[in-house]
C-alpha cells in the first residue's frame, strides 16, 4: 500500500507508542493497535485511474457530496458560480487530486477557525487553501477546508505550475472538506448524498 509522505512521522509515532505499551502495559497495547493500524490506513495514497478528458471535471476528493449550490465566487471566477462540496470523514483517503489539467493561476491561504467542515459557513470561516486553475481558457477554483479535527492543509504547487488531471494536489488531515467552484454554465453530474472517489468520479462537464 502506498503511503503519503506526510504520514510517515505520524505512523512512526503511533507504532513507537504501541511498542512502549507492549513493553510496559500490554492490555492498553491491544486497544492502541487499532489506532496504529488506522493511522496507516488514513495516510494511504492509492493509485487512481479513471475517466480523463478536457471536457471532464473529476472529483478532487474521496467523500460524500454535502451540497451543490449556486454562489458568488469573486476570487477566480469573478461572479456567479456553482459549488460542489465534498466532505471527507476520518476513514476516507485524504490525498486530494486536481479535477482538471491546466495551469495554476491563483493561490491563497486563509487562517480561520476549525469548526465542523460540513457547515455551510465553513467555506469562509474555517482555515482553507484556495487553488485556481485555468484549463483551456476556462477557470475553476478548488478550496481545501480544515475541519474540527483537521489542523493541517498541504497544497503541493505554486502559481505557474502546470498540473495534470487526477494528479495529487495535496492532503488534509484528519477530517475535512474540498469545494469546487465552477462557472454557472458547467453541467453538474452529482447531487447531495452521492459518494465520490478522488481522481475517478466525474462530478461535472464543461459546456
N, C-alpha and C. Protein backbone atom coordinates (compact mmCIF):
# COMPACT_ATOMS: atom_id res chain seq x y z
N UNK A 1 0.85 -1.20 0.00
CA UNK A 1 0.00 0.00 0.00
C UNK A 1 0.88 1.25 0.00
N UNK A 2 0.63 2.15 -0.93
CA UNK A 2 1.40 3.39 -1.00
C UNK A 2 0.93 4.35 0.10
N UNK A 3 1.89 5.03 0.74
CA UNK A 3 1.60 5.92 1.85
C UNK A 3 2.01 7.34 1.48
N UNK A 4 1.17 8.34 1.79
CA UNK A 4 1.52 9.74 1.56
C UNK A 4 2.72 10.10 2.43
N UNK A 5 3.62 10.89 1.87
CA UNK A 5 4.88 11.18 2.56
C UNK A 5 4.65 11.88 3.90
N UNK A 6 3.56 12.66 4.01
CA UNK A 6 3.29 13.36 5.27
C UNK A 6 2.91 12.41 6.40
N UNK A 7 2.57 11.17 6.04
CA UNK A 7 2.10 10.22 7.04
C UNK A 7 3.17 9.51 7.83
N UNK A 8 4.38 9.43 7.29
CA UNK A 8 5.41 8.61 7.94
C UNK A 8 5.74 9.04 9.36
N UNK A 9 5.88 10.34 9.67
CA UNK A 9 6.15 10.70 11.07
C UNK A 9 5.02 10.28 12.02
N UNK A 10 3.77 10.40 11.56
CA UNK A 10 2.64 10.01 12.40
C UNK A 10 2.59 8.50 12.58
N UNK A 11 2.90 7.77 11.52
CA UNK A 11 2.91 6.30 11.62
C UNK A 11 4.02 5.86 12.57
N UNK A 12 5.19 6.48 12.46
CA UNK A 12 6.31 6.13 13.35
C UNK A 12 5.94 6.40 14.80
N UNK A 13 5.28 7.54 15.05
CA UNK A 13 4.88 7.88 16.42
C UNK A 13 3.86 6.88 16.95
N UNK A 14 2.87 6.54 16.13
CA UNK A 14 1.83 5.60 16.57
C UNK A 14 2.42 4.25 16.93
N UNK A 15 3.37 3.78 16.13
CA UNK A 15 3.94 2.45 16.39
C UNK A 15 4.99 2.49 17.49
N UNK A 16 5.61 3.63 17.72
CA UNK A 16 6.51 3.77 18.87
C UNK A 16 5.70 3.67 20.17
N UNK A 17 4.53 4.30 20.18
CA UNK A 17 3.65 4.20 21.34
C UNK A 17 3.19 2.76 21.53
N UNK A 18 2.87 2.09 20.42
CA UNK A 18 2.44 0.68 20.50
C UNK A 18 3.54 -0.18 21.13
N UNK A 19 4.77 -0.01 20.71
CA UNK A 19 5.87 -0.80 21.27
C UNK A 19 6.07 -0.51 22.75
N UNK A 20 5.93 0.78 23.12
CA UNK A 20 6.08 1.14 24.53
C UNK A 20 4.97 0.51 25.37
N UNK A 21 3.77 0.50 24.86
CA UNK A 21 2.66 -0.10 25.60
C UNK A 21 2.82 -1.61 25.73
N UNK A 22 3.35 -2.24 24.67
CA UNK A 22 3.61 -3.69 24.75
C UNK A 22 4.61 -3.99 25.86
N UNK A 23 5.59 -3.11 25.99
CA UNK A 23 6.64 -3.34 26.98
C UNK A 23 6.18 -3.07 28.40
N UNK A 24 5.31 -2.05 28.57
CA UNK A 24 5.01 -1.61 29.93
C UNK A 24 3.55 -1.79 30.36
N UNK A 25 2.63 -1.92 29.40
CA UNK A 25 1.21 -2.04 29.78
C UNK A 25 0.47 -2.69 28.62
N UNK A 26 0.67 -4.00 28.47
CA UNK A 26 0.19 -4.69 27.28
C UNK A 26 -1.32 -4.65 27.09
N UNK A 27 -2.19 -4.59 28.15
CA UNK A 27 -3.64 -4.51 27.86
C UNK A 27 -4.00 -3.28 27.02
N UNK A 28 -3.35 -2.13 27.30
CA UNK A 28 -3.61 -0.91 26.51
C UNK A 28 -3.07 -1.05 25.10
N UNK A 29 -2.03 -1.88 24.94
CA UNK A 29 -1.45 -2.08 23.61
C UNK A 29 -2.45 -2.71 22.66
N UNK A 30 -3.34 -3.54 23.20
CA UNK A 30 -4.35 -4.18 22.35
C UNK A 30 -5.29 -3.13 21.76
N UNK A 31 -5.69 -2.19 22.58
CA UNK A 31 -6.57 -1.11 22.12
C UNK A 31 -5.83 -0.18 21.16
N UNK A 32 -4.61 0.19 21.54
CA UNK A 32 -3.84 1.14 20.72
C UNK A 32 -3.49 0.56 19.36
N UNK A 33 -3.42 -0.77 19.26
CA UNK A 33 -3.11 -1.40 17.98
C UNK A 33 -4.12 -0.99 16.91
N UNK A 34 -5.37 -0.83 17.30
CA UNK A 34 -6.39 -0.38 16.34
C UNK A 34 -6.10 1.03 15.85
N UNK A 35 -5.66 1.88 16.77
CA UNK A 35 -5.32 3.26 16.40
C UNK A 35 -4.11 3.28 15.46
N UNK A 36 -3.10 2.48 15.79
CA UNK A 36 -1.88 2.45 14.97
C UNK A 36 -2.18 1.96 13.56
N UNK A 37 -3.06 0.98 13.45
CA UNK A 37 -3.44 0.48 12.11
C UNK A 37 -4.25 1.53 11.36
N UNK A 38 -5.12 2.26 12.10
CA UNK A 38 -5.93 3.30 11.45
C UNK A 38 -5.04 4.42 10.91
N UNK A 39 -3.98 4.76 11.63
CA UNK A 39 -3.08 5.83 11.16
C UNK A 39 -2.47 5.44 9.82
N UNK A 40 -2.08 4.19 9.67
CA UNK A 40 -1.55 3.73 8.38
C UNK A 40 -2.62 3.86 7.30
N UNK A 41 -3.83 3.41 7.61
CA UNK A 41 -4.92 3.47 6.62
C UNK A 41 -5.27 4.90 6.26
N UNK A 42 -5.22 5.80 7.24
CA UNK A 42 -5.59 7.19 6.98
C UNK A 42 -4.68 7.82 5.93
N UNK A 43 -3.39 7.52 6.00
CA UNK A 43 -2.42 8.16 5.09
C UNK A 43 -2.19 7.36 3.82
N UNK A 44 -3.06 6.41 3.51
CA UNK A 44 -2.90 5.66 2.26
C UNK A 44 -3.07 6.60 1.07
N UNK A 45 -2.32 6.31 0.04
CA UNK A 45 -2.33 7.13 -1.18
C UNK A 45 -2.44 6.21 -2.39
N UNK A 46 -3.63 5.67 -2.62
CA UNK A 46 -3.77 4.66 -3.69
C UNK A 46 -3.60 5.28 -5.08
N UNK A 47 -3.09 4.49 -5.99
CA UNK A 47 -3.03 4.91 -7.38
C UNK A 47 -4.46 4.98 -7.91
N UNK A 48 -4.78 6.02 -8.64
CA UNK A 48 -6.13 6.19 -9.15
C UNK A 48 -6.10 6.37 -10.67
N UNK A 49 -6.94 5.60 -11.35
CA UNK A 49 -7.07 5.70 -12.80
C UNK A 49 -8.55 5.74 -13.11
N UNK A 50 -8.98 6.74 -13.82
CA UNK A 50 -10.40 6.88 -14.14
C UNK A 50 -10.59 7.66 -15.41
N UNK A 51 -11.80 8.13 -15.66
CA UNK A 51 -12.06 8.92 -16.87
C UNK A 51 -11.19 10.17 -16.90
N UNK A 52 -10.69 10.49 -18.07
CA UNK A 52 -9.87 11.69 -18.26
C UNK A 52 -10.32 12.37 -19.54
N UNK A 53 -10.19 13.69 -19.58
CA UNK A 53 -10.54 14.41 -20.80
C UNK A 53 -10.74 15.88 -20.54
N UNK A 54 -10.55 16.68 -21.58
CA UNK A 54 -10.65 18.13 -21.45
C UNK A 54 -12.05 18.60 -21.07
N UNK A 55 -13.08 17.81 -21.39
CA UNK A 55 -14.46 18.21 -21.09
C UNK A 55 -14.89 17.81 -19.69
N UNK A 56 -14.08 16.99 -19.01
CA UNK A 56 -14.49 16.42 -17.73
C UNK A 56 -13.88 17.16 -16.55
N UNK A 57 -14.64 17.23 -15.47
CA UNK A 57 -14.15 17.74 -14.19
C UNK A 57 -14.27 16.59 -13.20
N UNK A 58 -13.13 16.16 -12.66
CA UNK A 58 -13.04 14.97 -11.82
C UNK A 58 -13.09 15.37 -10.34
N UNK A 59 -13.65 14.51 -9.52
CA UNK A 59 -13.69 14.78 -8.08
C UNK A 59 -12.28 14.93 -7.51
N UNK A 60 -12.05 15.99 -6.71
CA UNK A 60 -10.73 16.15 -6.10
C UNK A 60 -10.56 15.35 -4.82
N UNK A 61 -11.64 14.69 -4.35
CA UNK A 61 -11.55 14.05 -3.04
C UNK A 61 -12.47 12.85 -2.94
N UNK A 62 -12.07 11.90 -2.08
CA UNK A 62 -12.98 10.84 -1.65
C UNK A 62 -13.93 11.43 -0.60
N UNK A 63 -15.17 11.02 -0.63
CA UNK A 63 -16.09 11.50 0.39
C UNK A 63 -17.53 11.49 -0.08
N UNK A 64 -18.32 12.33 0.56
CA UNK A 64 -19.75 12.43 0.25
C UNK A 64 -20.09 13.87 -0.13
N UNK A 65 -20.87 14.03 -1.18
CA UNK A 65 -21.31 15.36 -1.60
C UNK A 65 -22.31 15.87 -0.56
N UNK A 66 -21.97 16.99 0.09
CA UNK A 66 -22.86 17.53 1.13
C UNK A 66 -23.68 18.71 0.62
N UNK A 67 -23.29 19.30 -0.50
CA UNK A 67 -24.12 20.36 -1.08
C UNK A 67 -23.70 20.65 -2.51
N UNK A 68 -24.67 21.05 -3.31
CA UNK A 68 -24.46 21.56 -4.67
C UNK A 68 -25.32 22.81 -4.76
N UNK A 69 -24.67 23.97 -4.79
CA UNK A 69 -25.43 25.22 -4.74
C UNK A 69 -24.90 26.24 -5.74
N UNK A 70 -25.71 27.25 -6.00
CA UNK A 70 -25.27 28.43 -6.76
C UNK A 70 -24.76 29.46 -5.76
N UNK A 71 -23.65 30.11 -6.10
CA UNK A 71 -22.99 31.01 -5.16
C UNK A 71 -22.12 31.99 -5.93
N UNK A 72 -21.77 33.10 -5.33
CA UNK A 72 -20.86 34.06 -5.96
C UNK A 72 -19.42 33.68 -5.59
N UNK A 73 -18.53 33.69 -6.59
CA UNK A 73 -17.12 33.37 -6.35
C UNK A 73 -16.28 34.49 -6.95
N UNK A 74 -15.81 35.45 -6.14
CA UNK A 74 -15.13 36.63 -6.68
C UNK A 74 -13.65 36.47 -6.98
N UNK A 75 -12.98 35.48 -6.39
CA UNK A 75 -11.52 35.43 -6.46
C UNK A 75 -10.99 35.01 -7.83
N UNK A 76 -11.59 33.96 -8.40
CA UNK A 76 -11.09 33.40 -9.66
C UNK A 76 -12.13 33.53 -10.77
N UNK A 77 -13.37 33.19 -10.47
CA UNK A 77 -14.42 33.24 -11.49
C UNK A 77 -15.00 34.65 -11.63
N UNK A 78 -14.92 35.44 -10.58
CA UNK A 78 -15.36 36.83 -10.64
C UNK A 78 -16.85 37.01 -10.82
N UNK A 79 -17.64 36.13 -10.22
CA UNK A 79 -19.09 36.29 -10.36
C UNK A 79 -19.85 35.04 -9.97
N UNK A 80 -21.04 34.86 -10.51
CA UNK A 80 -21.88 33.71 -10.18
C UNK A 80 -21.19 32.39 -10.52
N UNK A 81 -21.40 31.40 -9.67
CA UNK A 81 -20.74 30.10 -9.85
C UNK A 81 -21.63 29.00 -9.29
N UNK A 82 -21.23 27.77 -9.56
CA UNK A 82 -21.82 26.60 -8.92
C UNK A 82 -20.74 25.98 -8.03
N UNK A 83 -21.16 25.55 -6.84
CA UNK A 83 -20.19 24.97 -5.91
C UNK A 83 -20.60 23.55 -5.53
N UNK A 84 -19.65 22.63 -5.68
CA UNK A 84 -19.83 21.24 -5.24
C UNK A 84 -18.95 21.04 -4.01
N UNK A 85 -19.55 20.65 -2.89
CA UNK A 85 -18.82 20.46 -1.63
C UNK A 85 -18.76 18.98 -1.28
N UNK A 86 -17.55 18.48 -1.01
CA UNK A 86 -17.33 17.06 -0.71
C UNK A 86 -16.70 16.95 0.67
N UNK A 87 -17.41 16.26 1.57
CA UNK A 87 -16.94 16.09 2.95
C UNK A 87 -16.21 14.77 3.10
N UNK A 88 -15.02 14.83 3.71
CA UNK A 88 -14.21 13.63 3.96
C UNK A 88 -14.26 13.30 5.44
N UNK A 89 -14.67 12.08 5.79
CA UNK A 89 -14.61 11.68 7.19
C UNK A 89 -13.23 11.06 7.47
N UNK A 90 -13.02 10.64 8.70
CA UNK A 90 -11.68 10.20 9.10
C UNK A 90 -11.30 8.85 8.49
N UNK A 91 -12.22 8.19 7.82
CA UNK A 91 -11.91 6.91 7.19
C UNK A 91 -11.66 7.03 5.69
N UNK A 92 -11.92 8.20 5.11
CA UNK A 92 -11.68 8.41 3.69
C UNK A 92 -10.20 8.62 3.40
N UNK A 93 -9.79 8.34 2.15
CA UNK A 93 -8.48 8.77 1.68
C UNK A 93 -8.45 10.29 1.71
N UNK A 94 -7.38 10.87 2.25
CA UNK A 94 -7.32 12.33 2.40
C UNK A 94 -6.34 13.00 1.43
N UNK A 95 -5.78 12.25 0.51
CA UNK A 95 -5.00 12.86 -0.57
C UNK A 95 -5.99 13.47 -1.56
N UNK A 96 -5.77 14.73 -1.90
CA UNK A 96 -6.63 15.44 -2.85
C UNK A 96 -5.98 15.48 -4.23
N UNK A 97 -6.82 15.56 -5.27
CA UNK A 97 -6.32 15.46 -6.65
C UNK A 97 -6.89 16.60 -7.51
N UNK A 98 -6.12 16.93 -8.57
CA UNK A 98 -6.57 18.01 -9.45
C UNK A 98 -7.75 17.56 -10.30
N UNK A 99 -8.82 18.36 -10.33
CA UNK A 99 -10.01 17.98 -11.10
C UNK A 99 -9.85 18.16 -12.61
N UNK A 100 -8.90 19.00 -13.02
CA UNK A 100 -8.65 19.25 -14.45
C UNK A 100 -7.16 19.42 -14.66
N UNK A 101 -6.74 19.31 -15.91
CA UNK A 101 -5.37 19.67 -16.29
C UNK A 101 -5.34 21.15 -16.62
N UNK A 102 -4.23 21.80 -16.30
CA UNK A 102 -4.12 23.22 -16.61
C UNK A 102 -2.98 23.88 -15.86
N UNK A 103 -3.06 25.19 -15.76
CA UNK A 103 -2.04 25.99 -15.10
C UNK A 103 -2.62 26.64 -13.86
N UNK A 104 -1.88 26.58 -12.75
CA UNK A 104 -2.33 27.23 -11.53
C UNK A 104 -2.14 28.74 -11.69
N UNK A 105 -3.24 29.47 -11.56
CA UNK A 105 -3.21 30.92 -11.77
C UNK A 105 -3.50 31.69 -10.49
N UNK A 106 -3.84 30.96 -9.40
CA UNK A 106 -4.19 31.64 -8.15
C UNK A 106 -3.90 30.71 -6.98
N UNK A 107 -3.28 31.27 -5.93
CA UNK A 107 -3.07 30.54 -4.68
C UNK A 107 -3.35 31.50 -3.53
N UNK A 108 -4.05 31.00 -2.52
CA UNK A 108 -4.32 31.84 -1.35
C UNK A 108 -4.58 30.93 -0.16
N UNK A 109 -4.01 31.30 0.98
CA UNK A 109 -4.23 30.54 2.22
C UNK A 109 -4.81 31.47 3.26
N UNK A 110 -5.95 31.09 3.82
CA UNK A 110 -6.63 31.91 4.81
C UNK A 110 -6.70 31.17 6.14
N UNK A 111 -6.18 31.80 7.18
CA UNK A 111 -6.33 31.23 8.51
C UNK A 111 -7.77 31.44 8.99
N UNK A 112 -8.19 30.59 9.90
CA UNK A 112 -9.56 30.70 10.39
C UNK A 112 -9.81 29.73 11.52
N UNK A 113 -11.08 29.47 11.79
CA UNK A 113 -11.46 28.57 12.88
C UNK A 113 -11.39 27.13 12.40
N UNK A 114 -11.63 26.21 13.32
CA UNK A 114 -11.62 24.78 13.00
C UNK A 114 -12.96 24.16 13.37
N UNK A 115 -14.04 24.76 12.85
CA UNK A 115 -15.37 24.23 13.09
C UNK A 115 -15.64 23.02 12.21
N UNK A 116 -16.79 22.41 12.41
CA UNK A 116 -17.15 21.24 11.61
C UNK A 116 -17.18 21.62 10.14
N UNK A 117 -16.46 20.85 9.31
CA UNK A 117 -16.30 21.19 7.89
C UNK A 117 -17.60 21.03 7.10
N UNK A 118 -18.57 20.32 7.65
CA UNK A 118 -19.83 20.14 6.95
C UNK A 118 -20.75 21.35 7.01
N UNK A 119 -20.43 22.32 7.86
CA UNK A 119 -21.27 23.52 7.96
C UNK A 119 -21.17 24.35 6.69
N UNK A 120 -22.25 25.05 6.36
CA UNK A 120 -22.23 25.92 5.19
C UNK A 120 -21.19 27.02 5.33
N UNK A 121 -21.05 27.60 6.52
CA UNK A 121 -20.13 28.72 6.72
C UNK A 121 -18.66 28.28 6.75
N UNK A 122 -18.41 26.98 6.76
CA UNK A 122 -17.03 26.51 6.85
C UNK A 122 -16.18 26.98 5.67
N UNK A 123 -16.80 27.15 4.51
CA UNK A 123 -16.06 27.57 3.32
C UNK A 123 -15.43 28.94 3.49
N UNK A 124 -15.99 29.76 4.37
CA UNK A 124 -15.47 31.10 4.59
C UNK A 124 -14.77 31.24 5.94
N UNK A 125 -15.32 30.59 6.97
CA UNK A 125 -14.83 30.82 8.32
C UNK A 125 -13.68 29.90 8.71
N UNK A 126 -13.68 28.66 8.18
CA UNK A 126 -12.62 27.72 8.55
C UNK A 126 -11.32 28.04 7.82
N UNK A 127 -10.22 27.60 8.39
CA UNK A 127 -8.94 27.72 7.71
C UNK A 127 -9.01 26.97 6.38
N UNK A 128 -8.53 27.60 5.29
CA UNK A 128 -8.66 26.97 3.98
C UNK A 128 -7.57 27.43 3.03
N UNK A 129 -7.37 26.61 1.99
CA UNK A 129 -6.39 26.89 0.95
C UNK A 129 -7.07 26.86 -0.40
N UNK A 130 -6.93 27.93 -1.17
CA UNK A 130 -7.55 28.06 -2.49
C UNK A 130 -6.53 27.84 -3.60
N UNK A 131 -6.94 27.11 -4.62
CA UNK A 131 -6.11 26.92 -5.82
C UNK A 131 -6.99 27.18 -7.03
N UNK A 132 -6.64 28.18 -7.81
CA UNK A 132 -7.35 28.48 -9.05
C UNK A 132 -6.59 27.89 -10.24
N UNK A 133 -7.32 27.19 -11.10
CA UNK A 133 -6.70 26.52 -12.25
C UNK A 133 -7.36 27.02 -13.54
N UNK A 134 -6.54 27.36 -14.52
CA UNK A 134 -7.05 27.71 -15.85
C UNK A 134 -6.82 26.52 -16.77
N UNK A 135 -7.92 26.04 -17.34
CA UNK A 135 -7.88 24.86 -18.20
C UNK A 135 -8.55 25.18 -19.52
N UNK A 136 -7.77 25.25 -20.58
CA UNK A 136 -8.32 25.54 -21.92
C UNK A 136 -9.19 26.80 -21.89
N UNK A 137 -8.63 27.85 -21.29
CA UNK A 137 -9.25 29.18 -21.21
C UNK A 137 -10.51 29.20 -20.36
N UNK A 138 -10.70 28.16 -19.54
CA UNK A 138 -11.80 28.14 -18.57
C UNK A 138 -11.21 27.93 -17.19
N UNK A 139 -11.77 28.60 -16.20
CA UNK A 139 -11.19 28.57 -14.86
C UNK A 139 -12.13 27.89 -13.87
N UNK A 140 -11.51 27.31 -12.84
CA UNK A 140 -12.24 26.82 -11.69
C UNK A 140 -11.40 27.05 -10.45
N UNK A 141 -12.05 26.95 -9.31
CA UNK A 141 -11.36 27.13 -8.03
C UNK A 141 -11.61 25.91 -7.16
N UNK A 142 -10.56 25.37 -6.57
CA UNK A 142 -10.71 24.31 -5.56
C UNK A 142 -10.33 24.90 -4.20
N UNK A 143 -11.07 24.50 -3.17
CA UNK A 143 -10.81 25.01 -1.82
C UNK A 143 -10.69 23.83 -0.86
N UNK A 144 -9.51 23.66 -0.27
CA UNK A 144 -9.29 22.66 0.77
C UNK A 144 -9.61 23.30 2.11
N UNK A 145 -10.53 22.70 2.85
CA UNK A 145 -11.05 23.31 4.08
C UNK A 145 -10.72 22.43 5.28
N UNK A 146 -10.06 23.02 6.28
CA UNK A 146 -9.77 22.29 7.51
C UNK A 146 -11.06 22.11 8.30
N UNK A 147 -11.12 21.04 9.08
CA UNK A 147 -12.31 20.75 9.89
C UNK A 147 -12.01 20.82 11.37
N UNK A 148 -12.91 20.26 12.17
CA UNK A 148 -12.77 20.31 13.62
C UNK A 148 -11.62 19.44 14.11
N UNK A 149 -11.25 18.41 13.33
CA UNK A 149 -10.12 17.57 13.68
C UNK A 149 -8.92 17.90 12.81
N UNK A 150 -9.16 18.17 11.52
CA UNK A 150 -8.07 18.50 10.61
C UNK A 150 -7.45 19.85 10.98
N UNK A 151 -6.16 19.87 11.21
CA UNK A 151 -5.48 21.11 11.58
C UNK A 151 -4.28 21.39 10.68
N UNK A 152 -4.20 20.71 9.55
CA UNK A 152 -3.04 20.91 8.68
C UNK A 152 -3.44 20.66 7.25
N UNK A 153 -3.31 21.68 6.42
CA UNK A 153 -3.60 21.56 4.99
C UNK A 153 -2.28 21.62 4.23
N UNK A 154 -2.09 20.68 3.33
CA UNK A 154 -0.91 20.66 2.47
C UNK A 154 -1.38 20.88 1.04
N UNK A 155 -0.83 21.90 0.37
CA UNK A 155 -1.11 22.16 -1.04
C UNK A 155 0.23 22.16 -1.76
N UNK A 156 0.35 21.31 -2.78
CA UNK A 156 1.68 20.99 -3.32
C UNK A 156 2.30 22.05 -4.22
N UNK A 157 1.51 22.74 -5.04
CA UNK A 157 2.10 23.53 -6.13
C UNK A 157 1.79 25.02 -5.99
N UNK A 158 2.64 25.81 -6.64
CA UNK A 158 2.52 27.26 -6.61
C UNK A 158 2.00 27.79 -7.95
N UNK A 159 1.68 29.09 -7.98
CA UNK A 159 1.21 29.74 -9.20
C UNK A 159 2.22 29.54 -10.33
N UNK A 160 1.74 29.20 -11.49
CA UNK A 160 2.59 28.97 -12.65
C UNK A 160 2.83 27.50 -12.93
N UNK A 161 2.59 26.64 -11.96
CA UNK A 161 2.81 25.21 -12.16
C UNK A 161 1.78 24.65 -13.13
N UNK A 162 2.21 23.76 -14.00
CA UNK A 162 1.32 23.05 -14.91
C UNK A 162 0.99 21.70 -14.28
N UNK A 163 -0.31 21.42 -14.10
CA UNK A 163 -0.73 20.23 -13.38
C UNK A 163 -1.60 19.35 -14.28
N UNK A 164 -1.68 18.08 -13.93
CA UNK A 164 -2.42 17.11 -14.74
C UNK A 164 -3.64 16.60 -13.96
N UNK A 165 -4.71 16.42 -14.68
CA UNK A 165 -5.95 15.90 -14.11
C UNK A 165 -5.70 14.57 -13.40
N UNK A 166 -6.16 14.49 -12.15
CA UNK A 166 -6.01 13.26 -11.38
C UNK A 166 -4.74 13.17 -10.57
N UNK A 167 -3.78 14.05 -10.82
CA UNK A 167 -2.54 14.04 -10.05
C UNK A 167 -2.78 14.62 -8.66
N UNK A 168 -1.88 14.33 -7.75
CA UNK A 168 -2.01 14.80 -6.38
C UNK A 168 -1.97 16.32 -6.29
N UNK A 169 -2.94 16.90 -5.57
CA UNK A 169 -2.99 18.33 -5.31
C UNK A 169 -2.45 18.64 -3.92
N UNK A 170 -2.67 17.72 -2.99
CA UNK A 170 -2.23 17.94 -1.62
C UNK A 170 -2.92 16.96 -0.70
N UNK A 171 -3.02 17.35 0.58
CA UNK A 171 -3.60 16.46 1.59
C UNK A 171 -4.11 17.29 2.75
N UNK A 172 -5.18 16.82 3.38
CA UNK A 172 -5.68 17.43 4.61
C UNK A 172 -5.78 16.34 5.67
N UNK A 173 -5.34 16.61 6.86
CA UNK A 173 -5.55 15.66 7.94
C UNK A 173 -6.31 16.35 9.07
N UNK A 174 -7.32 15.74 9.68
CA UNK A 174 -7.70 14.35 9.67
C UNK A 174 -9.16 14.18 9.23
N UNK A 175 -9.95 15.21 9.16
CA UNK A 175 -11.32 15.15 8.66
C UNK A 175 -11.65 16.51 8.10
N UNK A 176 -12.19 16.61 6.91
CA UNK A 176 -12.19 17.91 6.26
C UNK A 176 -13.12 17.93 5.04
N UNK A 177 -12.95 18.93 4.18
CA UNK A 177 -13.84 19.12 3.04
C UNK A 177 -13.08 19.77 1.89
N UNK A 178 -13.50 19.45 0.68
CA UNK A 178 -12.97 20.13 -0.50
C UNK A 178 -14.15 20.65 -1.32
N UNK A 179 -14.11 21.93 -1.68
CA UNK A 179 -15.12 22.55 -2.53
C UNK A 179 -14.54 22.80 -3.92
N UNK A 180 -15.38 22.66 -4.93
CA UNK A 180 -15.02 23.01 -6.30
C UNK A 180 -16.01 24.06 -6.77
N UNK A 181 -15.49 25.22 -7.18
CA UNK A 181 -16.30 26.31 -7.72
C UNK A 181 -16.17 26.32 -9.23
N UNK A 182 -17.29 26.23 -9.92
CA UNK A 182 -17.31 26.13 -11.38
C UNK A 182 -18.16 27.25 -11.97
N UNK A 183 -17.91 27.60 -13.23
CA UNK A 183 -18.79 28.58 -13.89
C UNK A 183 -20.23 28.09 -13.92
N UNK A 184 -21.15 29.02 -13.97
CA UNK A 184 -22.58 28.69 -13.99
C UNK A 184 -22.95 27.77 -15.15
N UNK A 185 -22.20 27.86 -16.22
CA UNK A 185 -22.54 27.07 -17.42
C UNK A 185 -22.13 25.61 -17.30
N UNK A 186 -21.33 25.26 -16.29
CA UNK A 186 -20.89 23.86 -16.15
C UNK A 186 -22.09 22.96 -15.86
N UNK A 187 -22.04 21.76 -16.39
CA UNK A 187 -23.09 20.77 -16.19
C UNK A 187 -22.71 19.87 -15.01
N UNK A 188 -23.38 20.05 -13.87
CA UNK A 188 -23.07 19.29 -12.67
C UNK A 188 -23.69 17.90 -12.77
N UNK A 189 -22.90 16.86 -12.49
CA UNK A 189 -23.36 15.48 -12.67
C UNK A 189 -23.57 14.74 -11.36
N UNK A 190 -23.30 15.40 -10.22
CA UNK A 190 -23.52 14.77 -8.92
C UNK A 190 -24.57 15.55 -8.14
N UNK A 191 -25.09 14.92 -7.11
CA UNK A 191 -26.10 15.55 -6.26
C UNK A 191 -25.76 15.29 -4.81
N UNK A 192 -26.42 16.01 -3.92
CA UNK A 192 -26.20 15.83 -2.49
C UNK A 192 -26.45 14.37 -2.08
N UNK A 193 -25.52 13.82 -1.33
CA UNK A 193 -25.62 12.44 -0.88
C UNK A 193 -24.79 11.46 -1.69
N UNK A 194 -24.35 11.86 -2.89
CA UNK A 194 -23.53 10.97 -3.72
C UNK A 194 -22.16 10.77 -3.07
N UNK A 195 -21.60 9.57 -3.27
CA UNK A 195 -20.26 9.26 -2.79
C UNK A 195 -19.28 9.38 -3.95
N UNK A 196 -18.16 10.04 -3.71
CA UNK A 196 -17.17 10.28 -4.77
C UNK A 196 -15.85 9.60 -4.44
N UNK A 197 -15.10 9.29 -5.48
CA UNK A 197 -13.73 8.80 -5.36
C UNK A 197 -12.81 9.81 -6.03
N UNK A 198 -11.85 10.32 -5.30
CA UNK A 198 -10.94 11.32 -5.84
C UNK A 198 -10.16 10.79 -7.03
N UNK A 199 -10.13 11.56 -8.09
CA UNK A 199 -9.41 11.15 -9.29
C UNK A 199 -10.15 10.17 -10.16
N UNK A 200 -11.40 9.81 -9.77
CA UNK A 200 -12.16 8.81 -10.51
C UNK A 200 -13.55 9.31 -10.90
N UNK A 201 -14.30 9.82 -9.93
CA UNK A 201 -15.69 10.21 -10.17
C UNK A 201 -15.76 11.50 -10.98
N UNK A 202 -16.52 11.49 -12.06
CA UNK A 202 -16.77 12.71 -12.84
C UNK A 202 -17.88 13.50 -12.15
N UNK A 203 -17.56 14.71 -11.67
CA UNK A 203 -18.57 15.50 -10.95
C UNK A 203 -19.24 16.53 -11.84
N UNK A 204 -18.63 16.87 -12.99
CA UNK A 204 -19.21 17.88 -13.87
C UNK A 204 -18.56 17.81 -15.25
N UNK A 205 -19.18 18.51 -16.18
CA UNK A 205 -18.62 18.64 -17.54
C UNK A 205 -18.67 20.10 -17.94
N UNK A 206 -17.67 20.52 -18.72
CA UNK A 206 -17.72 21.85 -19.32
C UNK A 206 -18.78 21.84 -20.42
N UNK A 207 -19.40 22.97 -20.64
CA UNK A 207 -20.37 23.10 -21.75
C UNK A 207 -20.00 24.28 -22.60
